[in-house]
């Protein structure tokens, strides 16, 4: 394999693997962790937040690969990519029996993306102070 291909794989493999895990989770029938519906709702919505915070970070890694300091556009491009993926994931869920695709979940996913952004910004601010 050429060095270029290896670099592309190293750059994007974490994001692609994470997207595949989200896709796999979205393909499964609805499950419950408790009989209390409110607790189920909050548990699974927190999973959305965590999933998309991690997705934001790994997609950002691919976009800002090799840069000493990321460009402001890198953060926005990452948000756009993750937002589009969240929308496509909800569309995918409309085709899975017992699942539903709803705009509310894209909004919750976006909250996770914002957390990912804030974590990354804190990391780069901390690095620049040292």
C-alpha atoms as a PDB file:
ATOM      1  CA  UNK A   1       0.000   0.000   0.000  1.00  0.00           C
ATOM      2  CA  UNK A   2       1.232   3.455  -0.751  1.00  0.00           C
ATOM      3  CA  UNK A   3       2.025   5.918   2.024  1.00  0.00           C
ATOM      4  CA  UNK A   4      -0.794   8.159   0.820  1.00  0.00           C
ATOM      5  CA  UNK A   5      -3.406   5.420   1.239  1.00  0.00           C
ATOM      6  CA  UNK A   6      -2.059   4.496   4.670  1.00  0.00           C
ATOM      7  CA  UNK A   7      -2.261   8.135   5.734  1.00  0.00           C
ATOM      8  CA  UNK A   8      -5.864   8.424   4.503  1.00  0.00           C
ATOM      9  CA  UNK A   9      -6.807   5.272   6.424  1.00  0.00           C
ATOM     10  CA  UNK A  10      -5.107   6.532   9.610  1.00  0.00           C
ATOM     11  CA  UNK A  11      -6.806   9.892   9.190  1.00  0.00           C
ATOM     12  CA  UNK A  12     -10.365   8.683   8.607  1.00  0.00           C
ATOM     13  CA  UNK A  13     -10.613   5.159  10.075  1.00  0.00           C
ATOM     14  CA  UNK A  14     -11.748   6.312  13.557  1.00  0.00           C
ATOM     15  CA  UNK A  15     -14.587   8.408  12.089  1.00  0.00           C
ATOM     16  CA  UNK A  16     -15.694   5.677   9.692  1.00  0.00           C
ATOM     17  CA  UNK A  17     -15.610   3.020  12.419  1.00  0.00           C
ATOM     18  CA  UNK A  18     -17.584   5.272  14.789  1.00  0.00           C
ATOM     19  CA  UNK A  19     -20.170   6.010  12.078  1.00  0.00           C
ATOM     20  CA  UNK A  20     -20.485   2.276  11.438  1.00  0.00           C
ATOM     21  CA  UNK A  21     -21.109   1.669  15.148  1.00  0.00           C
ATOM     22  CA  UNK A  22     -23.816   4.354  15.183  1.00  0.00           C
ATOM     23  CA  UNK A  23     -25.366   2.821  12.056  1.00  0.00           C
ATOM     24  CA  UNK A  24     -25.296  -0.637  13.637  1.00  0.00           C
ATOM     25  CA  UNK A  25     -26.944   0.664  16.809  1.00  0.00           C
ATOM     26  CA  UNK A  26     -29.613   2.415  14.756  1.00  0.00           C
ATOM     27  CA  UNK A  27     -30.330  -0.798  12.862  1.00  0.00           C
ATOM     28  CA  UNK A  28     -31.343  -2.708  15.971  1.00  0.00           C
ATOM     29  CA  UNK A  29     -34.874  -3.084  17.259  1.00  0.00           C
ATOM     30  CA  UNK A  30     -35.880  -0.753  20.061  1.00  0.00           C
ATOM     31  CA  UNK A  31     -34.864  -2.039  23.485  1.00  0.00           C
ATOM     32  CA  UNK A  32     -35.535  -0.950  27.056  1.00  0.00           C
ATOM     33  CA  UNK A  33     -33.183  -0.747  30.008  1.00  0.00           C
ATOM     34  CA  UNK A  34     -35.960  -0.267  32.551  1.00  0.00           C
ATOM     35  CA  UNK A  35     -39.716  -0.445  32.832  1.00  0.00           C
ATOM     36  CA  UNK A  36     -39.836   3.291  33.601  1.00  0.00           C
ATOM     37  CA  UNK A  37     -40.307   5.039  30.251  1.00  0.00           C
ATOM     38  CA  UNK A  38     -38.898   8.385  31.446  1.00  0.00           C
ATOM     39  CA  UNK A  39     -35.661   6.706  32.530  1.00  0.00           C
ATOM     40  CA  UNK A  40     -35.457   4.878  29.193  1.00  0.00           C
ATOM     41  CA  UNK A  41     -35.925   8.169  27.360  1.00  0.00           C
ATOM     42  CA  UNK A  42     -33.168   9.958  29.289  1.00  0.00           C
ATOM     43  CA  UNK A  43     -30.793   7.004  29.104  1.00  0.00           C
ATOM     44  CA  UNK A  44     -31.043   6.707  25.327  1.00  0.00           C
ATOM     45  CA  UNK A  45     -30.944  10.465  24.743  1.00  0.00           C
ATOM     46  CA  UNK A  46     -27.747  10.654  26.810  1.00  0.00           C
ATOM     47  CA  UNK A  47     -26.354   7.949  24.534  1.00  0.00           C
ATOM     48  CA  UNK A  48     -27.176  10.224  21.582  1.00  0.00           C
ATOM     49  CA  UNK A  49     -25.252  13.082  23.200  1.00  0.00           C
ATOM     50  CA  UNK A  50     -22.215  10.910  23.922  1.00  0.00           C
ATOM     51  CA  UNK A  51     -22.264   9.274  20.460  1.00  0.00           C
ATOM     52  CA  UNK A  52     -22.282  12.591  18.672  1.00  0.00           C
ATOM     53  CA  UNK A  53     -19.732  14.271  20.954  1.00  0.00           C
ATOM     54  CA  UNK A  54     -17.339  11.442  20.074  1.00  0.00           C
ATOM     55  CA  UNK A  55     -18.330  11.625  16.406  1.00  0.00           C
ATOM     56  CA  UNK A  56     -17.585  15.349  16.344  1.00  0.00           C
ATOM     57  CA  UNK A  57     -14.123  14.745  17.814  1.00  0.00           C
ATOM     58  CA  UNK A  58     -13.152  11.926  15.417  1.00  0.00           C
ATOM     59  CA  UNK A  59     -14.489  13.743  12.343  1.00  0.00           C
ATOM     60  CA  UNK A  60     -12.637  16.883  13.429  1.00  0.00           C
ATOM     61  CA  UNK A  61      -9.499  14.775  13.750  1.00  0.00           C
ATOM     62  CA  UNK A  62      -9.865  13.751  10.120  1.00  0.00           C
ATOM     63  CA  UNK A  63     -10.606  17.261   8.886  1.00  0.00           C
ATOM     64  CA  UNK A  64      -7.833  19.020  10.839  1.00  0.00           C
ATOM     65  CA  UNK A  65      -5.292  16.229  10.307  1.00  0.00           C
ATOM     66  CA  UNK A  66      -1.716  17.477  10.193  1.00  0.00           C
ATOM     67  CA  UNK A  67      -2.488  21.071  11.177  1.00  0.00           C
ATOM     68  CA  UNK A  68      -0.655  22.582  14.127  1.00  0.00           C
ATOM     69  CA  UNK A  69      -3.633  24.804  14.860  1.00  0.00           C
ATOM     70  CA  UNK A  70      -7.055  24.158  13.302  1.00  0.00           C
ATOM     71  CA  UNK A  71      -8.742  26.761  11.140  1.00  0.00           C
ATOM     72  CA  UNK A  72     -12.090  28.157  12.347  1.00  0.00           C
ATOM     73  CA  UNK A  73     -13.665  26.632   9.224  1.00  0.00           C
ATOM     74  CA  UNK A  74     -12.578  23.175  10.403  1.00  0.00           C
ATOM     75  CA  UNK A  75     -14.985  23.407  13.339  1.00  0.00           C
ATOM     76  CA  UNK A  76     -17.881  24.445  11.095  1.00  0.00           C
ATOM     77  CA  UNK A  77     -17.158  21.817   8.461  1.00  0.00           C
ATOM     78  CA  UNK A  78     -17.054  19.183  11.188  1.00  0.00           C
ATOM     79  CA  UNK A  79     -20.409  20.396  12.526  1.00  0.00           C
ATOM     80  CA  UNK A  80     -21.934  20.269   9.035  1.00  0.00           C
ATOM     81  CA  UNK A  81     -20.650  16.729   8.382  1.00  0.00           C
ATOM     82  CA  UNK A  82     -21.919  15.464  11.738  1.00  0.00           C
ATOM     83  CA  UNK A  83     -25.260  17.236  11.343  1.00  0.00           C
ATOM     84  CA  UNK A  84     -25.789  15.651   7.925  1.00  0.00           C
ATOM     85  CA  UNK A  85     -24.851  12.257   9.333  1.00  0.00           C
ATOM     86  CA  UNK A  86     -27.322  12.709  12.204  1.00  0.00           C
ATOM     87  CA  UNK A  87     -30.056  13.536   9.690  1.00  0.00           C
ATOM     88  CA  UNK A  88     -29.207  10.513   7.560  1.00  0.00           C
ATOM     89  CA  UNK A  89     -29.203   8.327  10.675  1.00  0.00           C
ATOM     90  CA  UNK A  90     -32.710   9.472  11.578  1.00  0.00           C
ATOM     91  CA  UNK A  91     -33.837   8.804   8.004  1.00  0.00           C
ATOM     92  CA  UNK A  92     -32.300   5.340   8.255  1.00  0.00           C
ATOM     93  CA  UNK A  93     -34.227   4.684  11.485  1.00  0.00           C
ATOM     94  CA  UNK A  94     -37.537   5.291   9.698  1.00  0.00           C
ATOM     95  CA  UNK A  95     -36.819   2.072   7.778  1.00  0.00           C
ATOM     96  CA  UNK A  96     -36.127  -0.033  10.876  1.00  0.00           C
ATOM     97  CA  UNK A  97     -39.147  -1.786  12.438  1.00  0.00           C
ATOM     98  CA  UNK A  98     -39.954  -0.432  15.934  1.00  0.00           C
ATOM     99  CA  UNK A  99     -37.722   2.620  15.398  1.00  0.00           C
ATOM    100  CA  UNK A 100     -38.640   6.146  14.397  1.00  0.00           C
ATOM    101  CA  UNK A 101     -36.650   8.979  12.931  1.00  0.00           C
ATOM    102  CA  UNK A 102     -37.443  12.312  14.554  1.00  0.00           C
ATOM    103  CA  UNK A 103     -36.076  15.832  14.291  1.00  0.00           C
ATOM    104  CA  UNK A 104     -35.877  15.993  18.096  1.00  0.00           C
ATOM    105  CA  UNK A 105     -33.073  13.421  17.998  1.00  0.00           C
ATOM    106  CA  UNK A 106     -31.089  15.464  15.464  1.00  0.00           C
ATOM    107  CA  UNK A 107     -31.369  18.418  17.849  1.00  0.00           C
ATOM    108  CA  UNK A 108     -30.175  16.230  20.740  1.00  0.00           C
ATOM    109  CA  UNK A 109     -27.337  14.929  18.547  1.00  0.00           C
ATOM    110  CA  UNK A 110     -26.370  18.527  17.788  1.00  0.00           C
ATOM    111  CA  UNK A 111     -26.107  19.105  21.534  1.00  0.00           C
ATOM    112  CA  UNK A 112     -23.560  16.295  21.611  1.00  0.00           C
ATOM    113  CA  UNK A 113     -21.687  17.891  18.732  1.00  0.00           C
ATOM    114  CA  UNK A 114     -21.535  21.159  20.662  1.00  0.00           C
ATOM    115  CA  UNK A 115     -20.083  19.310  23.653  1.00  0.00           C
ATOM    116  CA  UNK A 116     -17.472  17.753  21.346  1.00  0.00           C
ATOM    117  CA  UNK A 117     -16.664  21.231  20.007  1.00  0.00           C
ATOM    118  CA  UNK A 118     -16.312  22.651  23.521  1.00  0.00           C
ATOM    119  CA  UNK A 119     -14.010  19.799  24.552  1.00  0.00           C
ATOM    120  CA  UNK A 120     -11.811  20.370  21.501  1.00  0.00           C
ATOM    121  CA  UNK A 121     -11.719  24.142  21.984  1.00  0.00           C
ATOM    122  CA  UNK A 122     -10.699  23.633  25.616  1.00  0.00           C
ATOM    123  CA  UNK A 123      -7.936  21.266  24.493  1.00  0.00           C
ATOM    124  CA  UNK A 124      -6.511  23.749  21.984  1.00  0.00           C
ATOM    125  CA  UNK A 125      -6.835  26.683  24.374  1.00  0.00           C
ATOM    126  CA  UNK A 126      -4.977  24.671  27.034  1.00  0.00           C
ATOM    127  CA  UNK A 127      -2.249  23.700  24.551  1.00  0.00           C
ATOM    128  CA  UNK A 128      -1.753  27.278  23.395  1.00  0.00           C
ATOM    129  CA  UNK A 129      -1.329  28.527  26.989  1.00  0.00           C
ATOM    130  CA  UNK A 130       1.529  26.092  27.695  1.00  0.00           C
END
